[in-house]
Amino acid sequence: MEMMRAENMLQDIDDTEEVSWKLQANCAGVDPDLFFPERGASTKEAKSVCRACLVKAECLEYAIRHGEKFGIWGGMSERERRRIRRTRALSMKQRASTSVAS
C-alpha cells in the first residue's frame, strides 16, 4: 500500500483544488519512496529535500487539511502534523469558549 501511495503522492490531488504549487515542489523529481520511509527508518533525507522547497507551507497545509496519515509532507512527519492539528483544535476551542463568555 505504501508503494502505491508513494507513486500517487503528487497525482492524488482533487482536481477542484488549487494545486499549482505541486509543479514547483522540490520532490517532483525525486523518488517518492524517499518520502514514505519504513517504520523506524530515518526521515532526514526526505526532510532535507523539503527544507529548501519554495512550496513547503502549501504542501504541509494540504497534508493537514486532507489528513494525510503517511509520509513526509511539507517537511513534517505524521506525528508532527498530528501535533499541529491538535494545537489548532485547542486554539479554536479556546477562542470559541472566549467568544461565548464575552
Foldseek 3Di string as FASTA:
>chain_A
DVQVCLVCVLVPDDPVDDRPLVVQQLCPPPRSVLFFDDPPDDNVVVLVSLPPGPCLVVQLVVCLVVVPQGGATSSDGNVVSVVVVVVVVVVVVVVVVVVVVD
